[in-house]
Amino acid sequence: MIGSYFDFVNLLFLGFVSMGTLPYLYSRYEKEVDYHAGKMSRKMSKMFKRFDSRVLNKIPRGPAKEKKYS
């Protein structure tokens, strides 16, 4: 899907531009980035716990197979 919007040279260029600018922006706005990243991490953890309890725990699992030792 990404290939229909960008070709390889453009993606390579965007990668180099990002590698040059993102460290500078992070060092400048470190507190804000860390705050929002922590907030997003807690939100994703909460969403996964909810998904785990509502969906994954309802999948029936068979008995655990014992390992054969030779």
PDB file of N, CA and C in Angstrom:
ATOM      1  N   MET A   1       0.829  -1.192   0.000  1.00  0.00           N
ATOM      2  CA  MET A   1       0.000   0.000   0.000  1.00  0.00           C
ATOM      3  C   MET A   1       0.870   1.252   0.000  1.00  0.00           C
ATOM      4  N   ILE A   2       1.925   1.237   0.812  1.00  0.00           N
ATOM      5  CA  ILE A   2       2.806   2.403   0.849  1.00  0.00           C
ATOM      6  C   ILE A   2       3.484   2.594  -0.502  1.00  0.00           C
ATOM      7  N   GLY A   3       3.781   1.487  -1.183  1.00  0.00           N
ATOM      8  CA  GLY A   3       4.441   1.555  -2.477  1.00  0.00           C
ATOM      9  C   GLY A   3       3.621   2.249  -3.541  1.00  0.00           C
ATOM     10  N   SER A   4       2.311   2.305  -3.366  1.00  0.00           N
ATOM     11  CA  SER A   4       1.494   3.001  -4.356  1.00  0.00           C
ATOM     12  C   SER A   4       1.567   4.516  -4.194  1.00  0.00           C
ATOM     13  N   TYR A   5       2.026   4.992  -3.046  1.00  0.00           N
ATOM     14  CA  TYR A   5       2.138   6.426  -2.821  1.00  0.00           C
ATOM     15  C   TYR A   5       3.568   6.939  -2.986  1.00  0.00           C
ATOM     16  N   PHE A   6       4.555   6.137  -2.637  1.00  0.00           N
ATOM     17  CA  PHE A   6       5.953   6.551  -2.667  1.00  0.00           C
ATOM     18  C   PHE A   6       6.777   5.519  -3.421  1.00  0.00           C
ATOM     19  N   ASP A   7       7.813   5.990  -4.082  1.00  0.00           N
ATOM     20  CA  ASP A   7       8.768   5.038  -4.631  1.00  0.00           C
ATOM     21  C   ASP A   7       9.961   4.934  -3.671  1.00  0.00           C
ATOM     22  N   PHE A   8      10.902   4.056  -3.985  1.00  0.00           N
ATOM     23  CA  PHE A   8      12.001   3.763  -3.074  1.00  0.00           C
ATOM     24  C   PHE A   8      12.867   4.986  -2.794  1.00  0.00           C
ATOM     25  N   VAL A   9      13.135   5.794  -3.813  1.00  0.00           N
ATOM     26  CA  VAL A   9      14.002   6.965  -3.637  1.00  0.00           C
ATOM     27  C   VAL A   9      13.353   7.973  -2.690  1.00  0.00           C
ATOM     28  N   ASN A  10      12.065   8.190  -2.812  1.00  0.00           N
ATOM     29  CA  ASN A  10      11.374   9.119  -1.921  1.00  0.00           C
ATOM     30  C   ASN A  10      11.377   8.602  -0.479  1.00  0.00           C
ATOM     31  N   LEU A  11      11.151   7.303  -0.284  1.00  0.00           N
ATOM     32  CA  LEU A  11      11.193   6.741   1.070  1.00  0.00           C
ATOM     33  C   LEU A  11      12.591   6.845   1.657  1.00  0.00           C
ATOM     34  N   LEU A  12      13.607   6.629   0.845  1.00  0.00           N
ATOM     35  CA  LEU A  12      14.982   6.768   1.297  1.00  0.00           C
ATOM     36  C   LEU A  12      15.270   8.210   1.710  1.00  0.00           C
ATOM     37  N   PHE A  13      14.823   9.158   0.908  1.00  0.00           N
ATOM     38  CA  PHE A  13      15.009  10.571   1.226  1.00  0.00           C
ATOM     39  C   PHE A  13      14.285  10.945   2.517  1.00  0.00           C
ATOM     40  N   LEU A  14      13.049  10.506   2.668  1.00  0.00           N
ATOM     41  CA  LEU A  14      12.301  10.799   3.893  1.00  0.00           C
ATOM     42  C   LEU A  14      12.967  10.175   5.114  1.00  0.00           C
ATOM     43  N   GLY A  15      13.538   9.002   4.943  1.00  0.00           N
ATOM     44  CA  GLY A  15      14.254   8.362   6.042  1.00  0.00           C
ATOM     45  C   GLY A  15      15.465   9.175   6.473  1.00  0.00           C
ATOM     46  N   PHE A  16      16.241   9.669   5.518  1.00  0.00           N
ATOM     47  CA  PHE A  16      17.412  10.478   5.860  1.00  0.00           C
ATOM     48  C   PHE A  16      17.026  11.817   6.483  1.00  0.00           C
ATOM     49  N   VAL A  17      15.981  12.431   5.985  1.00  0.00           N
ATOM     50  CA  VAL A  17      15.518  13.693   6.564  1.00  0.00           C
ATOM     51  C   VAL A  17      15.032  13.464   7.995  1.00  0.00           C
ATOM     52  N   SER A  18      14.309  12.368   8.211  1.00  0.00           N
ATOM     53  CA  SER A  18      13.826  12.055   9.557  1.00  0.00           C
ATOM     54  C   SER A  18      14.980  11.763  10.506  1.00  0.00           C
ATOM     55  N   MET A  19      15.986  11.045  10.019  1.00  0.00           N
ATOM     56  CA  MET A  19      17.136  10.732  10.868  1.00  0.00           C
ATOM     57  C   MET A  19      17.884  11.999  11.272  1.00  0.00           C
ATOM     58  N   GLY A  20      17.799  13.030  10.461  1.00  0.00           N
ATOM     59  CA  GLY A  20      18.475  14.276  10.783  1.00  0.00           C
ATOM     60  C   GLY A  20      17.677  15.190  11.682  1.00  0.00           C
ATOM     61  N   THR A  21      16.361  15.194  11.537  1.00  0.00           N
ATOM     62  CA  THR A  21      15.550  16.166  12.266  1.00  0.00           C
ATOM     63  C   THR A  21      14.943  15.623  13.564  1.00  0.00           C
ATOM     64  N   LEU A  22      14.589  14.338  13.606  1.00  0.00           N
ATOM     65  CA  LEU A  22      13.920  13.806  14.801  1.00  0.00           C
ATOM     66  C   LEU A  22      14.773  13.867  16.063  1.00  0.00           C
ATOM     67  N   PRO A  23      16.065  13.561  16.023  1.00  0.00           N
ATOM     68  CA  PRO A  23      16.853  13.699  17.255  1.00  0.00           C
ATOM     69  C   PRO A  23      16.902  15.142  17.765  1.00  0.00           C
ATOM     70  N   TYR A  24      16.987  16.105  16.853  1.00  0.00           N
ATOM     71  CA  TYR A  24      16.988  17.506  17.264  1.00  0.00           C
ATOM     72  C   TYR A  24      15.648  17.877  17.895  1.00  0.00           C
ATOM     73  N   LEU A  25      14.559  17.482  17.266  1.00  0.00           N
ATOM     74  CA  LEU A  25      13.242  17.803  17.815  1.00  0.00           C
ATOM     75  C   LEU A  25      13.016  17.129  19.157  1.00  0.00           C
ATOM     76  N   TYR A  26      13.498  15.890  19.310  1.00  0.00           N
ATOM     77  CA  TYR A  26      13.348  15.206  20.593  1.00  0.00           C
ATOM     78  C   TYR A  26      14.144  15.910  21.688  1.00  0.00           C
ATOM     79  N   SER A  27      15.372  16.327  21.362  1.00  0.00           N
ATOM     80  CA  SER A  27      16.175  17.000  22.384  1.00  0.00           C
ATOM     81  C   SER A  27      15.563  18.342  22.771  1.00  0.00           C
ATOM     82  N   ARG A  28      14.891  18.971  21.845  1.00  0.00           N
ATOM     83  CA  ARG A  28      14.272  20.266  22.131  1.00  0.00           C
ATOM     84  C   ARG A  28      12.983  20.118  22.942  1.00  0.00           C
ATOM     85  N   TYR A  29      12.173  19.119  22.603  1.00  0.00           N
ATOM     86  CA  TYR A  29      10.868  18.929  23.243  1.00  0.00           C
ATOM     87  C   TYR A  29      10.824  17.619  24.034  1.00  0.00           C
ATOM     88  N   GLU A  30      11.896  17.290  24.736  1.00  0.00           N
ATOM     89  CA  GLU A  30      12.016  16.006  25.407  1.00  0.00           C
ATOM     90  C   GLU A  30      10.933  15.784  26.462  1.00  0.00           C
ATOM     91  N   LYS A  31      10.653  16.782  27.265  1.00  0.00           N
ATOM     92  CA  LYS A  31       9.653  16.616  28.329  1.00  0.00           C
ATOM     93  C   LYS A  31       8.267  16.353  27.761  1.00  0.00           C
ATOM     94  N   GLU A  32       7.898  17.108  26.734  1.00  0.00           N
ATOM     95  CA  GLU A  32       6.572  16.932  26.142  1.00  0.00           C
ATOM     96  C   GLU A  32       6.442  15.566  25.468  1.00  0.00           C
ATOM     97  N   VAL A  33       7.494  15.157  24.757  1.00  0.00           N
ATOM     98  CA  VAL A  33       7.458  13.867  24.073  1.00  0.00           C
ATOM     99  C   VAL A  33       7.364  12.733  25.093  1.00  0.00           C
ATOM    100  N   ASP A  34       8.165  12.800  26.163  1.00  0.00           N
ATOM    101  CA  ASP A  34       8.117  11.759  27.184  1.00  0.00           C
ATOM    102  C   ASP A  34       6.758  11.711  27.878  1.00  0.00           C
ATOM    103  N   TYR A  35       6.166  12.871  28.117  1.00  0.00           N
ATOM    104  CA  TYR A  35       4.850  12.917  28.753  1.00  0.00           C
ATOM    105  C   TYR A  35       3.808  12.226  27.869  1.00  0.00           C
ATOM    106  N   HIS A  36       3.776  12.600  26.592  1.00  0.00           N
ATOM    107  CA  HIS A  36       2.768  12.034  25.694  1.00  0.00           C
ATOM    108  C   HIS A  36       3.053  10.560  25.394  1.00  0.00           C
ATOM    109  N   ALA A  37       4.324  10.173  25.314  1.00  0.00           N
ATOM    110  CA  ALA A  37       4.653   8.768  25.078  1.00  0.00           C
ATOM    111  C   ALA A  37       4.230   7.919  26.281  1.00  0.00           C
ATOM    112  N   GLY A  38       4.444   8.413  27.484  1.00  0.00           N
ATOM    113  CA  GLY A  38       4.006   7.690  28.674  1.00  0.00           C
ATOM    114  C   GLY A  38       2.495   7.577  28.743  1.00  0.00           C
ATOM    115  N   LYS A  39       1.830   8.660  28.386  1.00  0.00           N
ATOM    116  CA  LYS A  39       0.369   8.665  28.382  1.00  0.00           C
ATOM    117  C   LYS A  39      -0.166   7.655  27.365  1.00  0.00           C
ATOM    118  N   MET A  40       0.446   7.626  26.185  1.00  0.00           N
ATOM    119  CA  MET A  40       0.021   6.698  25.148  1.00  0.00           C
ATOM    120  C   MET A  40       0.344   5.256  25.544  1.00  0.00           C
ATOM    121  N   SER A  41       1.464   5.046  26.212  1.00  0.00           N
ATOM    122  CA  SER A  41       1.833   3.706  26.660  1.00  0.00           C
ATOM    123  C   SER A  41       0.834   3.180  27.679  1.00  0.00           C
ATOM    124  N   ARG A  42       0.440   4.012  28.623  1.00  0.00           N
ATOM    125  CA  ARG A  42      -0.559   3.593  29.609  1.00  0.00           C
ATOM    126  C   ARG A  42      -1.898   3.307  28.944  1.00  0.00           C
ATOM    127  N   LYS A  43      -2.263   4.114  27.953  1.00  0.00           N
ATOM    128  CA  LYS A  43      -3.526   3.915  27.255  1.00  0.00           C
ATOM    129  C   LYS A  43      -3.511   2.613  26.460  1.00  0.00           C
ATOM    130  N   MET A  44      -2.386   2.316  25.798  1.00  0.00           N
ATOM    131  CA  MET A  44      -2.279   1.071  25.037  1.00  0.00           C
ATOM    132  C   MET A  44      -2.292  -0.138  25.970  1.00  0.00           C
ATOM    133  N   SER A  45      -1.644  -0.019  27.126  1.00  0.00           N
ATOM    134  CA  SER A  45      -1.646  -1.116  28.095  1.00  0.00           C
ATOM    135  C   SER A  45      -3.057  -1.386  28.590  1.00  0.00           C
ATOM    136  N   LYS A  46      -3.795  -0.327  28.864  1.00  0.00           N
ATOM    137  CA  LYS A  46      -5.177  -0.457  29.320  1.00  0.00           C
ATOM    138  C   LYS A  46      -6.047  -1.101  28.238  1.00  0.00           C
ATOM    139  N   MET A  47      -5.840  -0.691  26.969  1.00  0.00           N
ATOM    140  CA  MET A  47      -6.603  -1.269  25.871  1.00  0.00           C
ATOM    141  C   MET A  47      -6.273  -2.743  25.689  1.00  0.00           C
ATOM    142  N   PHE A  48      -4.996  -3.125  25.837  1.00  0.00           N
ATOM    143  CA  PHE A  48      -4.623  -4.526  25.690  1.00  0.00           C
ATOM    144  C   PHE A  48      -5.222  -5.370  26.806  1.00  0.00           C
ATOM    145  N   LYS A  49      -5.203  -4.853  28.039  1.00  0.00           N
ATOM    146  CA  LYS A  49      -5.796  -5.601  29.147  1.00  0.00           C
ATOM    147  C   LYS A  49      -7.280  -5.831  28.905  1.00  0.00           C
ATOM    148  N   ARG A  50      -7.970  -4.819  28.390  1.00  0.00           N
ATOM    149  CA  ARG A  50      -9.394  -4.953  28.095  1.00  0.00           C
ATOM    150  C   ARG A  50      -9.618  -5.958  26.969  1.00  0.00           C
ATOM    151  N   PHE A  51      -8.792  -5.898  25.920  1.00  0.00           N
ATOM    152  CA  PHE A  51      -8.885  -6.844  24.811  1.00  0.00           C
ATOM    153  C   PHE A  51      -8.584  -8.257  25.296  1.00  0.00           C
ATOM    154  N   ASP A  52      -7.600  -8.388  26.158  1.00  0.00           N
ATOM    155  CA  ASP A  52      -7.224  -9.690  26.689  1.00  0.00           C
ATOM    156  C   ASP A  52      -8.365 -10.293  27.494  1.00  0.00           C
ATOM    157  N   SER A  53      -8.988  -9.482  28.335  1.00  0.00           N
ATOM    158  CA  SER A  53     -10.060 -10.018  29.177  1.00  0.00           C
ATOM    159  C   SER A  53     -11.334 -10.284  28.390  1.00  0.00           C
ATOM    160  N   ARG A  54     -11.608  -9.510  27.350  1.00  0.00           N
ATOM    161  CA  ARG A  54     -12.856  -9.681  26.605  1.00  0.00           C
ATOM    162  C   ARG A  54     -12.752 -10.677  25.462  1.00  0.00           C
ATOM    163  N   VAL A  55     -11.576 -10.820  24.864  1.00  0.00           N
ATOM    164  CA  VAL A  55     -11.459 -11.656  23.674  1.00  0.00           C
ATOM    165  C   VAL A  55     -10.538 -12.846  23.890  1.00  0.00           C
ATOM    166  N   LEU A  56      -9.299 -12.581  24.256  1.00  0.00           N
ATOM    167  CA  LEU A  56      -8.310 -13.652  24.300  1.00  0.00           C
ATOM    168  C   LEU A  56      -8.595 -14.687  25.375  1.00  0.00           C
ATOM    169  N   ASN A  57      -9.096 -14.281  26.515  1.00  0.00           N
ATOM    170  CA  ASN A  57      -9.384 -15.241  27.582  1.00  0.00           C
ATOM    171  C   ASN A  57     -10.600 -16.111  27.279  1.00  0.00           C
ATOM    172  N   LYS A  58     -11.409 -15.741  26.303  1.00  0.00           N
ATOM    173  CA  LYS A  58     -12.592 -16.528  25.960  1.00  0.00           C
ATOM    174  C   LYS A  58     -12.300 -17.595  24.912  1.00  0.00           C
ATOM    175  N   ILE A  59     -11.084 -17.624  24.387  1.00  0.00           N
ATOM    176  CA  ILE A  59     -10.717 -18.637  23.408  1.00  0.00           C
ATOM    177  C   ILE A  59     -10.450 -19.942  24.160  1.00  0.00           C
ATOM    178  N   PRO A  60     -11.175 -20.995  23.819  1.00  0.00           N
ATOM    179  CA  PRO A  60     -10.959 -22.256  24.541  1.00  0.00           C
ATOM    180  C   PRO A  60      -9.597 -22.859  24.185  1.00  0.00           C
ATOM    181  N   ARG A  61      -8.940 -23.350  25.196  1.00  0.00           N
ATOM    182  CA  ARG A  61      -7.633 -23.970  24.996  1.00  0.00           C
ATOM    183  C   ARG A  61      -7.707 -25.403  25.496  1.00  0.00           C
ATOM    184  N   GLY A  62      -7.075 -26.280  24.769  1.00  0.00           N
ATOM    185  CA  GLY A  62      -7.050 -27.686  25.151  1.00  0.00           C
ATOM    186  C   GLY A  62      -6.038 -27.900  26.263  1.00  0.00           C
ATOM    187  N   PRO A  63      -5.999 -29.103  26.801  1.00  0.00           N
ATOM    188  CA  PRO A  63      -5.040 -29.410  27.853  1.00  0.00           C
ATOM    189  C   PRO A  63      -3.608 -29.291  27.308  1.00  0.00           C
ATOM    190  N   ALA A  64      -2.718 -28.919  28.174  1.00  0.00           N
ATOM    191  CA  ALA A  64      -1.312 -28.765  27.776  1.00  0.00           C
ATOM    192  C   ALA A  64      -0.699 -30.132  27.496  1.00  0.00           C
ATOM    193  N   LYS A  65       0.048 -30.208  26.401  1.00  0.00           N
ATOM    194  CA  LYS A  65       0.692 -31.468  26.045  1.00  0.00           C
ATOM    195  C   LYS A  65       1.970 -31.612  26.844  1.00  0.00           C
ATOM    196  N   GLU A  66       2.210 -32.837  27.286  1.00  0.00           N
ATOM    197  CA  GLU A  66       3.443 -33.087  28.025  1.00  0.00           C
ATOM    198  C   GLU A  66       4.587 -33.317  27.053  1.00  0.00           C
ATOM    199  N   LYS A  67       5.749 -32.820  27.396  1.00  0.00           N
ATOM    200  CA  LYS A  67       6.920 -32.982  26.530  1.00  0.00           C
ATOM    201  C   LYS A  67       7.480 -34.376  26.694  1.00  0.00           C
ATOM    202  N   LYS A  68       7.929 -34.932  25.590  1.00  0.00           N
ATOM    203  CA  LYS A  68       8.549 -36.243  25.622  1.00  0.00           C
ATOM    204  C   LYS A  68      10.047 -36.072  25.769  1.00  0.00           C
ATOM    205  N   TYR A  69      10.591 -36.704  26.761  1.00  0.00           N
ATOM    206  CA  TYR A  69      12.026 -36.649  26.987  1.00  0.00           C
ATOM    207  C   TYR A  69      12.633 -37.973  26.556  1.00  0.00           C
ATOM    208  N   SER A  70      13.712 -37.914  25.818  1.00  0.00           N
ATOM    209  CA  SER A  70      14.338 -39.162  25.366  1.00  0.00           C
ATOM    210  C   SER A  70      15.627 -39.434  26.095  1.00  0.00           C
TER     211      SER A  70
END
